[in-house]
C-alpha cells in the first residue's frame, strides 16, 4: 500500500503537464528553459568523469529479453532483470520528455550498479507503447524487484525520482 501511495504522490506532484499528442504549444520561454537546462546538464556531465553510466535505449525485442516477455506469459508480470529499473516512454518532439531526459542521465550515473534506467522511443516502438497502453508521455514505469511495476505520467522533478528510487525501488 505504501508503494502505491508513493507512486500516486509522485504522479500528483508533477512539475509539467504530460504531452498528450504531437501538437505541442511550446512557448519560446519554455524552449529557452529547456535549452538552458540541457546546456547546464551538458556542462555538469562534462565536468564529471567520462566513464558515467548512461540510460539504455530499448527496442521491443530488447524489452522482451531484458525486462519482461509479456508475449510468452501475458497473464503474469515476470521481471527478467537483476536490478530494479525505471522505463521512460518518451518521444523526441515532447517538451516535458526533453526536461526529464537529462535528469534520467544524471540518475543513471548516481545510481550506477544499483538500478537500470531504460528509455523507449514511442515513435520508433509504437507496438510496445500500444501494448502498455501509453497514451500520454512521458510515462514512467517503476519496476521494483519481485513486485508488480507502477506507472506514473508526466515529468517528475529530480527529487521525486530520487524519493521513488530510494523508497520504492531500493527500499531504503
N, C-alpha and C. Protein backbone atom coordinates (compact mmCIF):
# COMPACT_ATOMS: atom_id res chain seq x y z
N UNK A 1 0.83 -1.19 0.00
CA UNK A 1 0.00 0.00 0.00
C UNK A 1 0.88 1.25 0.00
N UNK A 2 2.01 1.20 0.72
CA UNK A 2 2.91 2.34 0.78
C UNK A 2 3.46 2.67 -0.60
N UNK A 3 3.75 1.63 -1.39
CA UNK A 3 4.29 1.84 -2.73
C UNK A 3 3.28 2.56 -3.59
N UNK A 4 2.04 2.12 -3.55
CA UNK A 4 1.01 2.78 -4.36
C UNK A 4 0.84 4.23 -3.92
N UNK A 5 0.89 4.48 -2.62
CA UNK A 5 0.76 5.85 -2.12
C UNK A 5 1.91 6.72 -2.64
N UNK A 6 3.12 6.20 -2.61
CA UNK A 6 4.28 6.96 -3.08
C UNK A 6 4.16 7.26 -4.56
N UNK A 7 3.77 6.26 -5.35
CA UNK A 7 3.63 6.49 -6.79
C UNK A 7 2.51 7.49 -7.07
N UNK A 8 1.42 7.38 -6.35
CA UNK A 8 0.32 8.33 -6.53
C UNK A 8 0.79 9.73 -6.13
N UNK A 9 1.53 9.82 -5.04
CA UNK A 9 2.05 11.12 -4.60
C UNK A 9 2.99 11.69 -5.65
N UNK A 10 3.83 10.84 -6.24
CA UNK A 10 4.75 11.30 -7.28
C UNK A 10 3.98 11.79 -8.50
N UNK A 11 2.98 11.04 -8.88
CA UNK A 11 2.20 11.41 -10.06
C UNK A 11 1.49 12.73 -9.85
N UNK A 12 1.03 12.99 -8.63
CA UNK A 12 0.32 14.23 -8.37
C UNK A 12 1.26 15.41 -8.17
N UNK A 13 2.54 15.13 -7.97
CA UNK A 13 3.49 16.23 -7.79
C UNK A 13 4.20 16.57 -9.09
N UNK A 14 3.52 16.37 -10.18
CA UNK A 14 4.11 16.61 -11.49
C UNK A 14 4.50 18.08 -11.64
N UNK A 15 5.67 18.28 -12.20
CA UNK A 15 6.11 19.63 -12.48
C UNK A 15 5.45 20.18 -13.74
N UNK A 16 5.26 19.30 -14.71
CA UNK A 16 4.77 19.73 -16.01
C UNK A 16 3.62 18.85 -16.45
N UNK A 17 2.80 19.37 -17.32
CA UNK A 17 1.72 18.59 -17.89
C UNK A 17 2.32 17.68 -18.97
N UNK A 18 1.91 16.45 -19.01
CA UNK A 18 2.44 15.49 -19.98
C UNK A 18 1.96 15.84 -21.37
N UNK A 19 2.74 15.42 -22.35
CA UNK A 19 2.32 15.58 -23.74
C UNK A 19 1.21 14.60 -24.03
N UNK A 20 0.15 15.06 -24.66
CA UNK A 20 -0.96 14.17 -25.00
C UNK A 20 -1.04 13.87 -26.48
N UNK A 21 -0.40 14.69 -27.30
CA UNK A 21 -0.36 14.41 -28.73
C UNK A 21 0.79 15.15 -29.35
N UNK A 22 0.97 15.00 -30.66
CA UNK A 22 2.12 15.60 -31.31
C UNK A 22 2.04 17.12 -31.40
N UNK A 23 0.89 17.70 -31.34
CA UNK A 23 0.77 19.14 -31.42
C UNK A 23 1.03 19.74 -30.06
N UNK A 24 2.24 20.27 -29.89
CA UNK A 24 2.59 20.89 -28.62
C UNK A 24 2.63 22.39 -28.81
N UNK A 25 2.25 23.10 -27.80
CA UNK A 25 2.27 24.55 -27.81
C UNK A 25 3.38 25.02 -26.90
N UNK A 26 4.61 24.83 -27.33
CA UNK A 26 5.75 25.22 -26.53
C UNK A 26 6.08 26.68 -26.83
N UNK A 27 6.13 27.50 -25.80
CA UNK A 27 6.47 28.90 -25.99
C UNK A 27 7.97 29.06 -26.08
N UNK A 28 8.41 30.20 -26.57
CA UNK A 28 9.84 30.43 -26.68
C UNK A 28 10.51 30.40 -25.32
N UNK A 29 9.83 30.88 -24.27
CA UNK A 29 10.45 30.84 -22.95
C UNK A 29 10.64 29.42 -22.48
N UNK A 30 9.69 28.53 -22.77
CA UNK A 30 9.86 27.12 -22.41
C UNK A 30 11.01 26.51 -23.19
N UNK A 31 11.12 26.87 -24.49
CA UNK A 31 12.22 26.36 -25.28
C UNK A 31 13.56 26.85 -24.71
N UNK A 32 13.59 28.11 -24.27
CA UNK A 32 14.80 28.65 -23.67
C UNK A 32 15.15 27.91 -22.39
N UNK A 33 14.13 27.62 -21.56
CA UNK A 33 14.37 26.90 -20.31
C UNK A 33 14.92 25.51 -20.61
N UNK A 34 14.35 24.84 -21.62
CA UNK A 34 14.83 23.52 -21.99
C UNK A 34 16.28 23.61 -22.45
N UNK A 35 16.56 24.60 -23.30
CA UNK A 35 17.91 24.77 -23.82
C UNK A 35 18.90 25.06 -22.71
N UNK A 36 18.53 25.97 -21.79
CA UNK A 36 19.42 26.31 -20.68
C UNK A 36 19.66 25.10 -19.80
N UNK A 37 18.58 24.37 -19.46
CA UNK A 37 18.75 23.19 -18.60
C UNK A 37 19.62 22.15 -19.28
N UNK A 38 19.42 21.95 -20.59
CA UNK A 38 20.23 20.99 -21.33
C UNK A 38 21.68 21.42 -21.34
N UNK A 39 21.94 22.72 -21.56
CA UNK A 39 23.32 23.21 -21.56
C UNK A 39 23.97 23.03 -20.20
N UNK A 40 23.24 23.34 -19.12
CA UNK A 40 23.77 23.17 -17.77
C UNK A 40 24.07 21.69 -17.51
N UNK A 41 23.16 20.84 -17.92
CA UNK A 41 23.37 19.41 -17.73
C UNK A 41 24.59 18.93 -18.51
N UNK A 42 24.76 19.42 -19.74
CA UNK A 42 25.94 19.03 -20.52
C UNK A 42 27.21 19.48 -19.83
N UNK A 43 27.20 20.71 -19.26
CA UNK A 43 28.38 21.20 -18.56
C UNK A 43 28.66 20.35 -17.34
N UNK A 44 27.60 20.01 -16.57
CA UNK A 44 27.79 19.17 -15.38
C UNK A 44 28.31 17.80 -15.78
N UNK A 45 27.78 17.26 -16.87
CA UNK A 45 28.21 15.95 -17.34
C UNK A 45 29.66 15.99 -17.78
N UNK A 46 30.04 17.05 -18.51
CA UNK A 46 31.42 17.15 -18.99
C UNK A 46 32.41 17.37 -17.85
N UNK A 47 31.97 17.99 -16.76
CA UNK A 47 32.87 18.23 -15.64
C UNK A 47 33.07 16.97 -14.80
N UNK A 48 32.16 15.99 -14.93
CA UNK A 48 32.31 14.73 -14.22
C UNK A 48 33.16 13.78 -15.04
N UNK A 49 33.36 12.59 -14.52
CA UNK A 49 34.17 11.63 -15.26
C UNK A 49 33.48 11.23 -16.54
N UNK A 50 34.25 10.84 -17.52
CA UNK A 50 33.69 10.45 -18.80
C UNK A 50 33.22 9.01 -18.78
N UNK A 51 33.40 8.32 -17.68
CA UNK A 51 33.04 6.91 -17.57
C UNK A 51 31.68 6.73 -16.90
N UNK A 52 30.77 7.68 -17.08
CA UNK A 52 29.49 7.65 -16.40
C UNK A 52 28.53 6.69 -17.08
N UNK A 53 27.62 6.13 -16.27
CA UNK A 53 26.58 5.26 -16.81
C UNK A 53 25.60 6.10 -17.63
N UNK A 54 25.01 5.47 -18.59
CA UNK A 54 24.04 6.12 -19.45
C UNK A 54 22.72 5.38 -19.38
N UNK A 55 21.67 6.07 -19.80
CA UNK A 55 20.40 5.38 -19.94
C UNK A 55 20.52 4.40 -21.09
N UNK A 56 19.68 3.37 -21.07
CA UNK A 56 19.75 2.29 -22.06
C UNK A 56 18.50 2.33 -22.92
N UNK A 57 18.67 2.49 -24.22
CA UNK A 57 17.54 2.52 -25.13
C UNK A 57 17.09 1.09 -25.44
N UNK A 58 15.78 0.88 -25.42
CA UNK A 58 15.22 -0.45 -25.65
C UNK A 58 14.35 -0.48 -26.90
N UNK A 59 14.49 -1.57 -27.64
CA UNK A 59 13.53 -1.90 -28.69
C UNK A 59 12.56 -2.90 -28.08
N UNK A 60 11.54 -3.28 -28.82
CA UNK A 60 10.61 -4.27 -28.30
C UNK A 60 11.34 -5.59 -28.06
N UNK A 61 12.22 -5.98 -28.98
CA UNK A 61 12.97 -7.24 -28.81
C UNK A 61 13.83 -7.19 -27.55
N UNK A 62 14.49 -6.04 -27.30
CA UNK A 62 15.28 -5.88 -26.08
C UNK A 62 14.39 -5.98 -24.85
N UNK A 63 13.23 -5.34 -24.91
CA UNK A 63 12.29 -5.36 -23.79
C UNK A 63 11.91 -6.79 -23.43
N UNK A 64 11.61 -7.58 -24.45
CA UNK A 64 11.18 -8.96 -24.23
C UNK A 64 12.28 -9.83 -23.62
N UNK A 65 13.54 -9.49 -23.85
CA UNK A 65 14.64 -10.29 -23.29
C UNK A 65 15.22 -9.72 -22.00
N UNK A 66 15.16 -8.40 -21.82
CA UNK A 66 15.78 -7.78 -20.66
C UNK A 66 14.80 -7.40 -19.55
N UNK A 67 13.56 -7.11 -19.92
CA UNK A 67 12.60 -6.61 -18.94
C UNK A 67 11.53 -7.65 -18.63
N UNK A 68 10.68 -7.94 -19.58
CA UNK A 68 9.62 -8.92 -19.36
C UNK A 68 9.13 -9.44 -20.70
N UNK A 69 8.98 -10.75 -20.80
CA UNK A 69 8.44 -11.34 -22.01
C UNK A 69 6.93 -11.53 -21.82
N UNK A 70 6.20 -10.42 -21.97
CA UNK A 70 4.76 -10.43 -21.75
C UNK A 70 4.03 -11.18 -22.85
N UNK A 71 4.67 -11.41 -23.99
CA UNK A 71 4.03 -12.19 -25.05
C UNK A 71 4.01 -13.68 -24.68
N UNK A 72 5.09 -14.15 -24.09
CA UNK A 72 5.19 -15.55 -23.68
C UNK A 72 4.32 -15.82 -22.46
N UNK A 73 4.23 -14.87 -21.54
CA UNK A 73 3.48 -15.05 -20.31
C UNK A 73 2.59 -13.83 -20.07
N UNK A 74 1.48 -13.70 -20.82
CA UNK A 74 0.65 -12.50 -20.73
C UNK A 74 -0.17 -12.37 -19.44
N UNK A 75 -0.36 -13.45 -18.71
CA UNK A 75 -1.19 -13.41 -17.51
C UNK A 75 -0.45 -12.90 -16.28
N UNK A 76 0.88 -13.00 -16.28
CA UNK A 76 1.64 -12.67 -15.07
C UNK A 76 2.88 -11.85 -15.41
N UNK A 77 3.11 -10.80 -14.61
CA UNK A 77 4.31 -9.99 -14.77
C UNK A 77 5.49 -10.75 -14.18
N UNK A 78 6.52 -10.94 -14.99
CA UNK A 78 7.73 -11.60 -14.50
C UNK A 78 8.93 -10.79 -14.99
N UNK A 79 9.49 -9.99 -14.09
CA UNK A 79 10.63 -9.15 -14.43
C UNK A 79 11.87 -10.01 -14.62
N UNK A 80 12.60 -9.77 -15.71
CA UNK A 80 13.76 -10.58 -16.06
C UNK A 80 15.08 -9.97 -15.60
N UNK A 81 15.05 -8.73 -15.13
CA UNK A 81 16.27 -8.04 -14.75
C UNK A 81 16.82 -8.48 -13.41
N UNK A 82 18.08 -8.12 -13.18
CA UNK A 82 18.74 -8.45 -11.91
C UNK A 82 18.85 -7.25 -10.98
N UNK A 83 18.33 -6.09 -11.42
CA UNK A 83 18.29 -4.87 -10.60
C UNK A 83 16.96 -4.17 -10.88
N UNK A 84 16.47 -3.38 -9.93
CA UNK A 84 15.26 -2.60 -10.20
C UNK A 84 15.48 -1.68 -11.41
N UNK A 85 14.39 -1.22 -11.99
CA UNK A 85 14.51 -0.41 -13.20
C UNK A 85 13.46 0.68 -13.28
N UNK A 86 13.77 1.68 -14.08
CA UNK A 86 12.81 2.71 -14.49
C UNK A 86 12.80 2.66 -16.01
N UNK A 87 11.61 2.68 -16.60
CA UNK A 87 11.49 2.76 -18.05
C UNK A 87 10.78 4.06 -18.39
N UNK A 88 11.43 4.87 -19.21
CA UNK A 88 10.89 6.15 -19.66
C UNK A 88 10.34 5.97 -21.07
N UNK A 89 9.01 6.05 -21.22
CA UNK A 89 8.37 6.04 -22.53
C UNK A 89 8.32 7.50 -22.97
N UNK A 90 9.00 7.84 -24.05
CA UNK A 90 9.16 9.24 -24.46
C UNK A 90 9.05 9.37 -25.98
N UNK A 91 9.08 10.63 -26.43
CA UNK A 91 9.21 10.95 -27.86
C UNK A 91 10.12 12.16 -27.98
N UNK A 92 10.86 12.23 -29.07
CA UNK A 92 11.80 13.33 -29.27
C UNK A 92 11.13 14.69 -29.37
N UNK A 93 9.88 14.74 -29.83
CA UNK A 93 9.19 16.00 -30.01
C UNK A 93 8.52 16.53 -28.74
N UNK A 94 8.53 15.76 -27.68
CA UNK A 94 7.81 16.08 -26.45
C UNK A 94 8.64 16.97 -25.53
N UNK A 95 8.14 18.17 -25.24
CA UNK A 95 8.85 19.11 -24.37
C UNK A 95 9.13 18.57 -22.97
N UNK A 96 8.12 18.08 -22.25
CA UNK A 96 8.38 17.52 -20.92
C UNK A 96 9.35 16.34 -20.95
N UNK A 97 9.32 15.56 -22.03
CA UNK A 97 10.28 14.44 -22.18
C UNK A 97 11.71 14.98 -22.25
N UNK A 98 11.86 16.10 -22.93
CA UNK A 98 13.19 16.72 -23.04
C UNK A 98 13.68 17.24 -21.69
N UNK A 99 12.74 17.62 -20.83
CA UNK A 99 13.11 18.09 -19.49
C UNK A 99 13.53 16.91 -18.60
N UNK A 100 12.90 15.77 -18.78
CA UNK A 100 13.19 14.59 -17.97
C UNK A 100 14.49 13.91 -18.39
N UNK A 101 14.82 13.96 -19.67
CA UNK A 101 15.98 13.23 -20.20
C UNK A 101 17.29 13.51 -19.46
N UNK A 102 17.68 14.77 -19.25
CA UNK A 102 18.95 14.99 -18.53
C UNK A 102 18.90 14.54 -17.08
N UNK A 103 17.73 14.61 -16.46
CA UNK A 103 17.57 14.13 -15.08
C UNK A 103 17.83 12.63 -15.03
N UNK A 104 17.27 11.90 -15.99
CA UNK A 104 17.47 10.46 -16.02
C UNK A 104 18.93 10.10 -16.29
N UNK A 105 19.60 10.87 -17.11
CA UNK A 105 21.04 10.63 -17.36
C UNK A 105 21.84 10.83 -16.06
N UNK A 106 21.52 11.88 -15.32
CA UNK A 106 22.19 12.13 -14.04
C UNK A 106 21.93 10.99 -13.06
N UNK A 107 20.68 10.55 -13.00
CA UNK A 107 20.33 9.47 -12.08
C UNK A 107 20.99 8.15 -12.48
N UNK A 108 21.15 7.92 -13.77
CA UNK A 108 21.84 6.71 -14.24
C UNK A 108 23.27 6.69 -13.72
N UNK A 109 23.90 7.84 -13.69
CA UNK A 109 25.26 7.93 -13.15
C UNK A 109 25.27 7.80 -11.63
N UNK A 110 24.34 8.48 -10.96
CA UNK A 110 24.29 8.46 -9.50
C UNK A 110 23.98 7.07 -8.94
N UNK A 111 23.13 6.33 -9.63
CA UNK A 111 22.70 5.01 -9.14
C UNK A 111 23.30 3.87 -9.97
N UNK A 112 24.45 4.14 -10.60
CA UNK A 112 25.11 3.13 -11.41
C UNK A 112 25.37 1.86 -10.59
N UNK A 113 25.02 0.73 -11.17
CA UNK A 113 25.21 -0.54 -10.48
C UNK A 113 24.07 -0.92 -9.55
N UNK A 114 23.14 0.02 -9.29
CA UNK A 114 22.03 -0.25 -8.38
C UNK A 114 20.70 -0.43 -9.11
N UNK A 115 20.50 0.35 -10.18
CA UNK A 115 19.27 0.27 -10.97
C UNK A 115 19.60 0.43 -12.44
N UNK A 116 18.66 0.02 -13.28
CA UNK A 116 18.73 0.29 -14.71
C UNK A 116 17.76 1.42 -15.02
N UNK A 117 18.17 2.29 -15.93
CA UNK A 117 17.24 3.30 -16.44
C UNK A 117 17.17 3.10 -17.95
N UNK A 118 16.00 2.64 -18.38
CA UNK A 118 15.75 2.35 -19.78
C UNK A 118 14.91 3.46 -20.39
N UNK A 119 15.03 3.60 -21.72
CA UNK A 119 14.22 4.56 -22.47
C UNK A 119 13.61 3.83 -23.66
N UNK A 120 12.32 4.10 -23.91
CA UNK A 120 11.62 3.54 -25.06
C UNK A 120 11.06 4.70 -25.87
N UNK A 121 11.53 4.84 -27.10
CA UNK A 121 11.03 5.87 -28.02
C UNK A 121 9.68 5.39 -28.56
N UNK A 122 8.62 6.06 -28.16
CA UNK A 122 7.27 5.63 -28.53
C UNK A 122 6.99 5.80 -30.02
N UNK A 123 7.74 6.64 -30.69
CA UNK A 123 7.59 6.79 -32.14
C UNK A 123 8.20 5.60 -32.86
N UNK A 124 9.36 5.15 -32.43
CA UNK A 124 10.04 4.02 -33.06
C UNK A 124 9.46 2.68 -32.62
N UNK A 125 8.93 2.64 -31.40
CA UNK A 125 8.41 1.39 -30.82
C UNK A 125 6.92 1.53 -30.52
N UNK A 126 6.15 1.83 -31.56
CA UNK A 126 4.72 2.06 -31.40
C UNK A 126 3.98 0.83 -30.88
N UNK A 127 4.39 -0.35 -31.33
CA UNK A 127 3.72 -1.57 -30.88
C UNK A 127 3.94 -1.78 -29.38
N UNK A 128 5.16 -1.58 -28.91
CA UNK A 128 5.46 -1.73 -27.49
C UNK A 128 4.69 -0.70 -26.67
N UNK A 129 4.66 0.54 -27.13
CA UNK A 129 3.91 1.59 -26.44
C UNK A 129 2.42 1.24 -26.38
N UNK A 130 1.89 0.72 -27.47
CA UNK A 130 0.47 0.32 -27.50
C UNK A 130 0.22 -0.85 -26.56
N UNK A 131 1.14 -1.80 -26.51
CA UNK A 131 0.98 -2.95 -25.63
C UNK A 131 0.88 -2.52 -24.16
N UNK A 132 1.54 -1.41 -23.81
CA UNK A 132 1.49 -0.91 -22.44
C UNK A 132 0.47 0.20 -22.25
N UNK A 133 -0.31 0.47 -23.28
CA UNK A 133 -1.38 1.47 -23.16
C UNK A 133 -0.86 2.88 -22.96
N UNK A 134 0.29 3.20 -23.53
CA UNK A 134 0.87 4.54 -23.37
C UNK A 134 0.06 5.52 -24.22
N UNK A 135 -0.61 6.44 -23.57
CA UNK A 135 -1.41 7.45 -24.26
C UNK A 135 -0.90 8.86 -23.98
N UNK A 136 -0.06 9.00 -23.00
CA UNK A 136 0.45 10.30 -22.59
C UNK A 136 1.93 10.12 -22.27
N UNK A 137 2.74 11.07 -22.72
CA UNK A 137 4.17 10.96 -22.44
C UNK A 137 4.67 12.25 -21.81
N UNK A 138 5.69 12.18 -21.01
CA UNK A 138 6.38 10.97 -20.62
C UNK A 138 5.55 10.10 -19.68
N UNK A 139 5.67 8.81 -19.85
CA UNK A 139 5.12 7.84 -18.91
C UNK A 139 6.29 7.04 -18.38
N UNK A 140 6.33 6.88 -17.07
CA UNK A 140 7.45 6.20 -16.42
C UNK A 140 6.95 4.94 -15.74
N UNK A 141 7.66 3.85 -15.97
CA UNK A 141 7.33 2.57 -15.37
C UNK A 141 8.42 2.26 -14.35
N UNK A 142 8.04 2.21 -13.07
CA UNK A 142 8.97 1.89 -11.99
C UNK A 142 8.85 0.40 -11.71
N UNK A 143 9.97 -0.32 -11.81
CA UNK A 143 9.95 -1.78 -11.66
C UNK A 143 10.82 -2.20 -10.48
N UNK A 144 10.20 -2.45 -9.32
CA UNK A 144 10.97 -2.97 -8.19
C UNK A 144 11.21 -4.47 -8.38
N UNK A 145 12.13 -5.01 -7.65
CA UNK A 145 12.40 -6.45 -7.71
C UNK A 145 11.27 -7.20 -7.02
N UNK A 146 10.83 -8.29 -7.62
CA UNK A 146 9.84 -9.20 -7.04
C UNK A 146 8.50 -8.55 -6.70
N UNK A 147 8.15 -7.48 -7.38
CA UNK A 147 6.86 -6.82 -7.18
C UNK A 147 6.34 -6.36 -8.54
N UNK A 148 5.07 -6.02 -8.59
CA UNK A 148 4.49 -5.51 -9.82
C UNK A 148 4.97 -4.09 -10.09
N UNK A 149 5.11 -3.74 -11.36
CA UNK A 149 5.54 -2.37 -11.69
C UNK A 149 4.45 -1.35 -11.42
N UNK A 150 4.86 -0.11 -11.29
CA UNK A 150 3.94 1.01 -11.06
C UNK A 150 4.21 2.06 -12.13
N UNK A 151 3.13 2.67 -12.65
CA UNK A 151 3.29 3.70 -13.67
C UNK A 151 3.00 5.09 -13.11
N UNK A 152 3.73 6.05 -13.64
CA UNK A 152 3.48 7.46 -13.35
C UNK A 152 3.54 8.21 -14.67
N UNK A 153 2.71 9.23 -14.81
CA UNK A 153 2.69 10.02 -16.04
C UNK A 153 3.14 11.43 -15.75
N UNK A 154 3.84 11.99 -16.71
CA UNK A 154 4.27 13.38 -16.61
C UNK A 154 5.72 13.50 -16.19
N UNK A 155 6.23 14.71 -16.32
CA UNK A 155 7.61 14.99 -15.97
C UNK A 155 7.73 15.18 -14.46
N UNK A 156 8.58 14.39 -13.85
CA UNK A 156 8.80 14.48 -12.41
C UNK A 156 10.09 15.25 -12.13
N UNK A 157 10.15 15.98 -11.03
CA UNK A 157 11.40 16.65 -10.65
C UNK A 157 12.40 15.60 -10.13
N UNK A 158 13.66 15.97 -10.14
CA UNK A 158 14.71 15.04 -9.74
C UNK A 158 14.50 14.51 -8.32
N UNK A 159 14.08 15.36 -7.39
CA UNK A 159 13.91 14.89 -6.01
C UNK A 159 12.79 13.86 -5.91
N UNK A 160 11.76 13.96 -6.74
CA UNK A 160 10.69 12.95 -6.74
C UNK A 160 11.20 11.63 -7.30
N UNK A 161 12.04 11.70 -8.33
CA UNK A 161 12.66 10.48 -8.85
C UNK A 161 13.52 9.82 -7.77
N UNK A 162 14.32 10.63 -7.09
CA UNK A 162 15.21 10.07 -6.05
C UNK A 162 14.41 9.43 -4.93
N UNK A 163 13.32 10.07 -4.54
CA UNK A 163 12.47 9.50 -3.50
C UNK A 163 11.90 8.16 -3.95
N UNK A 164 11.41 8.08 -5.18
CA UNK A 164 10.86 6.83 -5.71
C UNK A 164 11.95 5.76 -5.81
N UNK A 165 13.12 6.14 -6.26
CA UNK A 165 14.22 5.18 -6.37
C UNK A 165 14.57 4.62 -5.00
N UNK A 166 14.75 5.51 -4.03
CA UNK A 166 15.16 5.08 -2.70
C UNK A 166 14.09 4.30 -1.95
N UNK A 167 12.84 4.75 -2.03
CA UNK A 167 11.78 4.12 -1.24
C UNK A 167 11.08 2.97 -1.95
N UNK A 168 10.90 3.07 -3.24
CA UNK A 168 10.15 2.06 -3.97
C UNK A 168 11.08 1.01 -4.59
N UNK A 169 12.13 1.46 -5.26
CA UNK A 169 13.00 0.53 -5.97
C UNK A 169 14.07 -0.09 -5.07
N UNK A 170 14.73 0.72 -4.27
CA UNK A 170 15.84 0.21 -3.44
C UNK A 170 15.41 -0.09 -2.01
N UNK A 171 14.23 0.32 -1.63
CA UNK A 171 13.68 0.06 -0.29
C UNK A 171 14.57 0.62 0.82
N UNK A 172 15.14 1.81 0.59
CA UNK A 172 15.98 2.46 1.63
C UNK A 172 15.12 3.25 2.59
